[in-house]
C-alpha atoms as a PDB file:
ATOM      1  CA  UNK A   1    -104.146  11.747 -69.012  1.00  0.00           C
ATOM      2  CA  UNK A   2    -106.827  10.557 -66.744  1.00  0.00           C
ATOM      3  CA  UNK A   3    -105.059   6.811 -67.651  1.00  0.00           C
ATOM      4  CA  UNK A   4    -101.720   8.254 -66.562  1.00  0.00           C
ATOM      5  CA  UNK A   5    -103.161   9.014 -63.070  1.00  0.00           C
ATOM      6  CA  UNK A   6    -105.097   6.086 -62.576  1.00  0.00           C
ATOM      7  CA  UNK A   7    -101.632   3.971 -63.516  1.00  0.00           C
ATOM      8  CA  UNK A   8     -99.529   5.776 -60.747  1.00  0.00           C
ATOM      9  CA  UNK A   9    -102.179   5.763 -58.209  1.00  0.00           C
ATOM     10  CA  UNK A  10    -103.121   2.352 -58.433  1.00  0.00           C
ATOM     11  CA  UNK A  11     -99.140   1.178 -58.905  1.00  0.00           C
ATOM     12  CA  UNK A  12     -97.601   3.415 -56.356  1.00  0.00           C
ATOM     13  CA  UNK A  13    -100.735   3.208 -54.205  1.00  0.00           C
ATOM     14  CA  UNK A  14    -100.599  -0.729 -54.419  1.00  0.00           C
ATOM     15  CA  UNK A  15     -96.314  -1.321 -53.400  1.00  0.00           C
ATOM     16  CA  UNK A  16     -96.811   1.122 -50.714  1.00  0.00           C
ATOM     17  CA  UNK A  17     -99.659  -0.777 -49.212  1.00  0.00           C
ATOM     18  CA  UNK A  18     -97.701  -4.578 -49.984  1.00  0.00           C
ATOM     19  CA  UNK A  19     -94.630  -2.938 -48.356  1.00  0.00           C
ATOM     20  CA  UNK A  20     -96.688  -1.533 -45.370  1.00  0.00           C
ATOM     21  CA  UNK A  21     -98.521  -4.593 -44.805  1.00  0.00           C
ATOM     22  CA  UNK A  22     -94.758  -6.526 -45.051  1.00  0.00           C
ATOM     23  CA  UNK A  23     -93.689  -4.407 -42.813  1.00  0.00           C
ATOM     24  CA  UNK A  24     -96.323  -5.038 -40.111  1.00  0.00           C
ATOM     25  CA  UNK A  25     -95.202  -8.892 -40.727  1.00  0.00           C
ATOM     26  CA  UNK A  26     -91.984  -8.908 -40.265  1.00  0.00           C
ATOM     27  CA  UNK A  27     -91.211  -9.212 -43.423  1.00  0.00           C
ATOM     28  CA  UNK A  28     -90.037  -6.716 -46.359  1.00  0.00           C
ATOM     29  CA  UNK A  29     -87.317  -5.307 -44.755  1.00  0.00           C
ATOM     30  CA  UNK A  30     -84.970  -4.918 -47.935  1.00  0.00           C
ATOM     31  CA  UNK A  31     -88.518  -2.449 -49.496  1.00  0.00           C
ATOM     32  CA  UNK A  32     -89.355  -0.395 -46.557  1.00  0.00           C
ATOM     33  CA  UNK A  33     -86.906  -1.046 -43.628  1.00  0.00           C
ATOM     34  CA  UNK A  34     -84.647   1.576 -42.223  1.00  0.00           C
ATOM     35  CA  UNK A  35     -81.648  -0.264 -42.399  1.00  0.00           C
ATOM     36  CA  UNK A  36     -81.685   0.728 -45.508  1.00  0.00           C
ATOM     37  CA  UNK A  37     -80.284  -1.933 -48.727  1.00  0.00           C
ATOM     38  CA  UNK A  38     -76.789  -0.781 -50.246  1.00  0.00           C
ATOM     39  CA  UNK A  39     -78.251   0.508 -53.379  1.00  0.00           C
ATOM     40  CA  UNK A  40     -80.352   2.576 -51.953  1.00  0.00           C
ATOM     41  CA  UNK A  41     -79.236   5.257 -48.663  1.00  0.00           C
ATOM     42  CA  UNK A  42     -80.768   8.286 -47.299  1.00  0.00           C
ATOM     43  CA  UNK A  43     -77.423   9.130 -45.885  1.00  0.00           C
ATOM     44  CA  UNK A  44     -75.137   9.756 -48.389  1.00  0.00           C
ATOM     45  CA  UNK A  45     -72.915  11.536 -45.804  1.00  0.00           C
ATOM     46  CA  UNK A  46     -75.508  14.605 -46.749  1.00  0.00           C
ATOM     47  CA  UNK A  47     -76.456  17.115 -43.862  1.00  0.00           C
ATOM     48  CA  UNK A  48     -79.710  19.739 -45.023  1.00  0.00           C
ATOM     49  CA  UNK A  49     -77.999  22.419 -43.276  1.00  0.00           C
ATOM     50  CA  UNK A  50     -74.883  22.332 -44.525  1.00  0.00           C
ATOM     51  CA  UNK A  51     -76.170  21.229 -48.312  1.00  0.00           C
ATOM     52  CA  UNK A  52     -78.183  24.203 -47.560  1.00  0.00           C
ATOM     53  CA  UNK A  53     -75.309  26.955 -46.921  1.00  0.00           C
ATOM     54  CA  UNK A  54     -73.050  25.848 -49.527  1.00  0.00           C
ATOM     55  CA  UNK A  55     -75.959  25.948 -52.211  1.00  0.00           C
ATOM     56  CA  UNK A  56     -76.833  29.634 -51.819  1.00  0.00           C
ATOM     57  CA  UNK A  57     -73.147  30.362 -50.826  1.00  0.00           C
ATOM     58  CA  UNK A  58     -71.867  28.558 -54.295  1.00  0.00           C
ATOM     59  CA  UNK A  59     -71.205  31.201 -56.837  1.00  0.00           C
ATOM     60  CA  UNK A  60     -73.204  33.413 -55.238  1.00  0.00           C
ATOM     61  CA  UNK A  61     -76.769  31.962 -56.216  1.00  0.00           C
ATOM     62  CA  UNK A  62     -79.701  30.662 -54.812  1.00  0.00           C
ATOM     63  CA  UNK A  63     -80.241  27.150 -55.337  1.00  0.00           C
ATOM     64  CA  UNK A  64     -79.336  23.872 -53.561  1.00  0.00           C
ATOM     65  CA  UNK A  65     -76.524  21.554 -54.424  1.00  0.00           C
ATOM     66  CA  UNK A  66     -78.000  18.946 -56.611  1.00  0.00           C
ATOM     67  CA  UNK A  67     -76.513  16.369 -54.955  1.00  0.00           C
ATOM     68  CA  UNK A  68     -79.232  16.767 -52.137  1.00  0.00           C
ATOM     69  CA  UNK A  69     -82.056  16.276 -54.605  1.00  0.00           C
ATOM     70  CA  UNK A  70     -80.708  12.808 -55.661  1.00  0.00           C
ATOM     71  CA  UNK A  71     -79.786  12.028 -52.115  1.00  0.00           C
ATOM     72  CA  UNK A  72     -83.940  12.752 -51.795  1.00  0.00           C
ATOM     73  CA  UNK A  73     -84.815  10.338 -54.380  1.00  0.00           C
ATOM     74  CA  UNK A  74     -84.954   6.988 -53.814  1.00  0.00           C
ATOM     75  CA  UNK A  75     -87.590   3.844 -54.510  1.00  0.00           C
ATOM     76  CA  UNK A  76     -89.689   4.755 -51.364  1.00  0.00           C
ATOM     77  CA  UNK A  77     -89.935   8.864 -52.434  1.00  0.00           C
ATOM     78  CA  UNK A  78     -90.584   7.879 -55.784  1.00  0.00           C
ATOM     79  CA  UNK A  79     -93.015   4.895 -54.932  1.00  0.00           C
ATOM     80  CA  UNK A  80     -95.228   7.813 -52.617  1.00  0.00           C
ATOM     81  CA  UNK A  81     -94.542  10.867 -55.323  1.00  0.00           C
ATOM     82  CA  UNK A  82     -96.039   8.651 -57.792  1.00  0.00           C
ATOM     83  CA  UNK A  83     -99.125   7.666 -55.845  1.00  0.00           C
ATOM     84  CA  UNK A  84     -99.853  10.666 -54.652  1.00  0.00           C
ATOM     85  CA  UNK A  85     -99.546  12.285 -58.011  1.00  0.00           C
ATOM     86  CA  UNK A  86    -101.828   9.860 -59.471  1.00  0.00           C
ATOM     87  CA  UNK A  87    -104.277  10.630 -56.371  1.00  0.00           C
ATOM     88  CA  UNK A  88    -104.382  14.325 -56.978  1.00  0.00           C
ATOM     89  CA  UNK A  89    -104.931  13.997 -60.449  1.00  0.00           C
ATOM     90  CA  UNK A  90    -107.697  12.309 -60.063  1.00  0.00           C
ATOM     91  CA  UNK A  91    -109.168  14.260 -57.686  1.00  0.00           C
ATOM     92  CA  UNK A  92    -108.374  17.229 -59.561  1.00  0.00           C
ATOM     93  CA  UNK A  93    -109.876  15.681 -62.668  1.00  0.00           C
ATOM     94  CA  UNK A  94    -113.027  14.892 -60.241  1.00  0.00           C
ATOM     95  CA  UNK A  95    -113.589  18.508 -59.386  1.00  0.00           C
ATOM     96  CA  UNK A  96    -113.623  19.811 -62.536  1.00  0.00           C
ATOM     97  CA  UNK A  97    -110.386  21.361 -63.111  1.00  0.00           C
ATOM     98  CA  UNK A  98    -108.630  22.090 -66.115  1.00  0.00           C
ATOM     99  CA  UNK A  99    -105.629  19.915 -67.805  1.00  0.00           C
ATOM    100  CA  UNK A 100    -103.067  22.011 -67.210  1.00  0.00           C
ATOM    101  CA  UNK A 101    -104.174  22.628 -63.581  1.00  0.00           C
ATOM    102  CA  UNK A 102    -104.818  18.836 -62.758  1.00  0.00           C
ATOM    103  CA  UNK A 103    -101.320  18.225 -63.812  1.00  0.00           C
ATOM    104  CA  UNK A 104     -99.781  21.276 -61.919  1.00  0.00           C
ATOM    105  CA  UNK A 105    -102.034  20.440 -59.055  1.00  0.00           C
ATOM    106  CA  UNK A 106    -100.356  16.603 -58.837  1.00  0.00           C
ATOM    107  CA  UNK A 107     -97.441  17.794 -59.819  1.00  0.00           C
ATOM    108  CA  UNK A 108     -96.803  19.505 -56.822  1.00  0.00           C
ATOM    109  CA  UNK A 109     -98.916  17.506 -54.762  1.00  0.00           C
ATOM    110  CA  UNK A 110     -96.090  14.177 -55.673  1.00  0.00           C
ATOM    111  CA  UNK A 111     -93.500  15.931 -54.968  1.00  0.00           C
ATOM    112  CA  UNK A 112     -94.764  16.907 -51.572  1.00  0.00           C
ATOM    113  CA  UNK A 113     -95.290  13.539 -50.917  1.00  0.00           C
ATOM    114  CA  UNK A 114     -91.777  12.277 -51.723  1.00  0.00           C
ATOM    115  CA  UNK A 115     -89.589  14.865 -49.897  1.00  0.00           C
ATOM    116  CA  UNK A 116     -93.014  14.244 -46.597  1.00  0.00           C
ATOM    117  CA  UNK A 117     -91.507  10.630 -46.664  1.00  0.00           C
ATOM    118  CA  UNK A 118     -87.385  11.535 -47.115  1.00  0.00           C
ATOM    119  CA  UNK A 119     -87.941  13.881 -44.376  1.00  0.00           C
ATOM    120  CA  UNK A 120     -90.139  11.571 -42.088  1.00  0.00           C
ATOM    121  CA  UNK A 121     -87.819   8.743 -42.590  1.00  0.00           C
ATOM    122  CA  UNK A 122     -84.722  10.688 -41.969  1.00  0.00           C
ATOM    123  CA  UNK A 123     -87.093  11.505 -38.598  1.00  0.00           C
ATOM    124  CA  UNK A 124     -87.109   7.847 -37.737  1.00  0.00           C
ATOM    125  CA  UNK A 125     -83.540   7.189 -38.657  1.00  0.00           C
ATOM    126  CA  UNK A 126     -82.226   9.512 -36.349  1.00  0.00           C
ATOM    127  CA  UNK A 127     -84.586   8.176 -33.625  1.00  0.00           C
ATOM    128  CA  UNK A 128     -83.376   5.003 -34.261  1.00  0.00           C
ATOM    129  CA  UNK A 129     -79.310   6.756 -34.088  1.00  0.00           C
ATOM    130  CA  UNK A 130     -80.411   8.554 -30.367  1.00  0.00           C
ATOM    131  CA  UNK A 131     -81.075   4.926 -29.511  1.00  0.00           C
ATOM    132  CA  UNK A 132     -78.217   3.485 -30.152  1.00  0.00           C
ATOM    133  CA  UNK A 133     -76.211   6.055 -28.159  1.00  0.00           C
ATOM    134  CA  UNK A 134     -78.647   5.766 -25.360  1.00  0.00           C
ATOM    135  CA  UNK A 135     -77.524   1.645 -25.470  1.00  0.00           C
ATOM    136  CA  UNK A 136     -74.004   2.709 -25.370  1.00  0.00           C
ATOM    137  CA  UNK A 137     -73.596   3.943 -21.904  1.00  0.00           C
ATOM    138  CA  UNK A 138     -74.958   0.566 -20.551  1.00  0.00           C
ATOM    139  CA  UNK A 139     -71.568  -0.116 -21.842  1.00  0.00           C
ATOM    140  CA  UNK A 140     -69.215  -1.999 -18.877  1.00  0.00           C
ATOM    141  CA  UNK A 141     -72.561  -1.696 -16.409  1.00  0.00           C
ATOM    142  CA  UNK A 142     -74.102  -4.803 -14.974  1.00  0.00           C
ATOM    143  CA  UNK A 143     -77.409  -6.310 -15.931  1.00  0.00           C
ATOM    144  CA  UNK A 144     -79.554  -9.935 -14.645  1.00  0.00           C
ATOM    145  CA  UNK A 145     -79.969 -12.276 -17.079  1.00  0.00           C
ATOM    146  CA  UNK A 146     -83.802 -12.304 -17.967  1.00  0.00           C
ATOM    147  CA  UNK A 147     -84.507 -15.214 -20.354  1.00  0.00           C
ATOM    148  CA  UNK A 148     -81.824 -17.830 -21.032  1.00  0.00           C
ATOM    149  CA  UNK A 149     -79.310 -16.668 -23.792  1.00  0.00           C
ATOM    150  CA  UNK A 150     -77.617 -19.387 -25.808  1.00  0.00           C
ATOM    151  CA  UNK A 151     -73.861 -20.394 -25.434  1.00  0.00           C
ATOM    152  CA  UNK A 152     -71.571 -19.884 -28.235  1.00  0.00           C
ATOM    153  CA  UNK A 153     -73.352 -16.316 -29.627  1.00  0.00           C
ATOM    154  CA  UNK A 154     -75.915 -19.331 -30.972  1.00  0.00           C
ATOM    155  CA  UNK A 155     -79.073 -16.870 -30.093  1.00  0.00           C
ATOM    156  CA  UNK A 156     -80.390 -14.320 -27.597  1.00  0.00           C
ATOM    157  CA  UNK A 157     -82.062 -14.243 -24.110  1.00  0.00           C
ATOM    158  CA  UNK A 158     -82.566 -11.162 -22.511  1.00  0.00           C
ATOM    159  CA  UNK A 159     -81.356  -9.128 -19.852  1.00  0.00           C
ATOM    160  CA  UNK A 160     -82.680  -6.381 -17.450  1.00  0.00           C
ATOM    161  CA  UNK A 161     -80.141  -3.505 -16.243  1.00  0.00           C
ATOM    162  CA  UNK A 162     -81.011   0.260 -14.410  1.00  0.00           C
ATOM    163  CA  UNK A 163     -79.898   2.784 -17.080  1.00  0.00           C
ATOM    164  CA  UNK A 164     -80.446   6.646 -16.665  1.00  0.00           C
ATOM    165  CA  UNK A 165     -82.366   5.894 -14.002  1.00  0.00           C
ATOM    166  CA  UNK A 166     -84.758   3.547 -16.168  1.00  0.00           C
ATOM    167  CA  UNK A 167     -84.957  -0.177 -16.010  1.00  0.00           C
ATOM    168  CA  UNK A 168     -84.458  -1.373 -19.500  1.00  0.00           C
ATOM    169  CA  UNK A 169     -84.408  -4.347 -21.489  1.00  0.00           C
ATOM    170  CA  UNK A 170     -82.540  -5.702 -24.361  1.00  0.00           C
ATOM    171  CA  UNK A 171     -81.801  -8.616 -26.432  1.00  0.00           C
ATOM    172  CA  UNK A 172     -78.233 -10.457 -25.275  1.00  0.00           C
ATOM    173  CA  UNK A 173     -75.819 -12.627 -26.262  1.00  0.00           C
ATOM    174  CA  UNK A 174     -72.769 -14.003 -24.984  1.00  0.00           C
ATOM    175  CA  UNK A 175     -69.198 -15.905 -26.481  1.00  0.00           C
ATOM    176  CA  UNK A 176     -68.786 -18.130 -23.864  1.00  0.00           C
ATOM    177  CA  UNK A 177     -71.197 -20.864 -21.848  1.00  0.00           C
ATOM    178  CA  UNK A 178     -74.898 -20.520 -21.376  1.00  0.00           C
ATOM    179  CA  UNK A 179     -76.277 -17.475 -18.955  1.00  0.00           C
ATOM    180  CA  UNK A 180     -79.457 -19.198 -17.299  1.00  0.00           C
ATOM    181  CA  UNK A 181     -81.905 -16.494 -15.437  1.00  0.00           C
ATOM    182  CA  UNK A 182     -80.468 -14.978 -12.901  1.00  0.00           C
ATOM    183  CA  UNK A 183     -77.606 -14.583 -13.556  1.00  0.00           C
ATOM    184  CA  UNK A 184     -75.641 -11.479 -13.078  1.00  0.00           C
ATOM    185  CA  UNK A 185     -73.467 -10.214 -16.539  1.00  0.00           C
ATOM    186  CA  UNK A 186     -71.357  -7.082 -17.687  1.00  0.00           C
ATOM    187  CA  UNK A 187     -72.159  -6.008 -21.052  1.00  0.00           C
ATOM    188  CA  UNK A 188     -69.360  -5.382 -23.322  1.00  0.00           C
ATOM    189  CA  UNK A 189     -69.938  -4.524 -26.327  1.00  0.00           C
ATOM    190  CA  UNK A 190     -73.190  -3.200 -28.275  1.00  0.00           C
ATOM    191  CA  UNK A 191     -74.664  -5.346 -31.217  1.00  0.00           C
ATOM    192  CA  UNK A 192     -77.994  -2.664 -32.219  1.00  0.00           C
ATOM    193  CA  UNK A 193     -80.058  -0.633 -30.678  1.00  0.00           C
ATOM    194  CA  UNK A 194     -81.855  -3.188 -28.975  1.00  0.00           C
ATOM    195  CA  UNK A 195     -78.878  -6.089 -28.847  1.00  0.00           C
ATOM    196  CA  UNK A 196     -76.027  -5.898 -26.515  1.00  0.00           C
ATOM    197  CA  UNK A 197     -73.160  -8.482 -25.646  1.00  0.00           C
ATOM    198  CA  UNK A 198     -72.685  -9.640 -22.143  1.00  0.00           C
ATOM    199  CA  UNK A 199     -70.306 -11.872 -20.231  1.00  0.00           C
ATOM    200  CA  UNK A 200     -70.534 -13.258 -16.899  1.00  0.00           C
ATOM    201  CA  UNK A 201     -69.630 -10.583 -13.733  1.00  0.00           C
ATOM    202  CA  UNK A 202     -66.392 -10.682 -12.799  1.00  0.00           C
ATOM    203  CA  UNK A 203     -67.268 -11.899  -8.992  1.00  0.00           C
ATOM    204  CA  UNK A 204     -69.754 -14.924 -10.985  1.00  0.00           C
ATOM    205  CA  UNK A 205     -66.445 -16.146 -13.029  1.00  0.00           C
ATOM    206  CA  UNK A 206     -64.508 -16.213  -9.300  1.00  0.00           C
ATOM    207  CA  UNK A 207     -67.520 -18.006  -7.672  1.00  0.00           C
ATOM    208  CA  UNK A 208     -67.365 -20.637 -10.298  1.00  0.00           C
ATOM    209  CA  UNK A 209     -63.671 -21.249  -9.697  1.00  0.00           C
ATOM    210  CA  UNK A 210     -63.896 -21.275  -6.152  1.00  0.00           C
END
């Protein structure tokens, strides 16, 4: 049993550390980024409260819908569960617990870690969604180019604008000609929570044709 705990702790912990380091240096998006890969989806169109109500109310039982459990299980949550299962098992053995007690503690700790990671990622994902919702309020607003925006959507520059009484800065691209710093632009679309599409402001276009 000790070998099992050690393998889980080393394997799971190593993968978690590698994912974390790759994320810090800008790689490993497929492994740990909040933009989930196609085959691993935390959302699965599930709502926690709705699923809980459905599970409790169906057939007069008091259990959760099994589909919600499968929504919790993913690569990241399983890795966390394995790592903490192993660590808790090793800690239990070091503390002198019996074999059965150690196993129970390890399983409970692993399941708790799995759910903790699940809720953490869901919470961060909600924050990201809220950020996208806020930037959508910028549609139609005027901004000022901060760093040059390349022509024909070949790259991004930066713009500044006043949004909800705050000066915000976003990455920006344009489908037309390049826009130099200081140019006035209008936000026409939201590409991501930190990226918008812009076009020259109408008065700028009129001046250019004058």
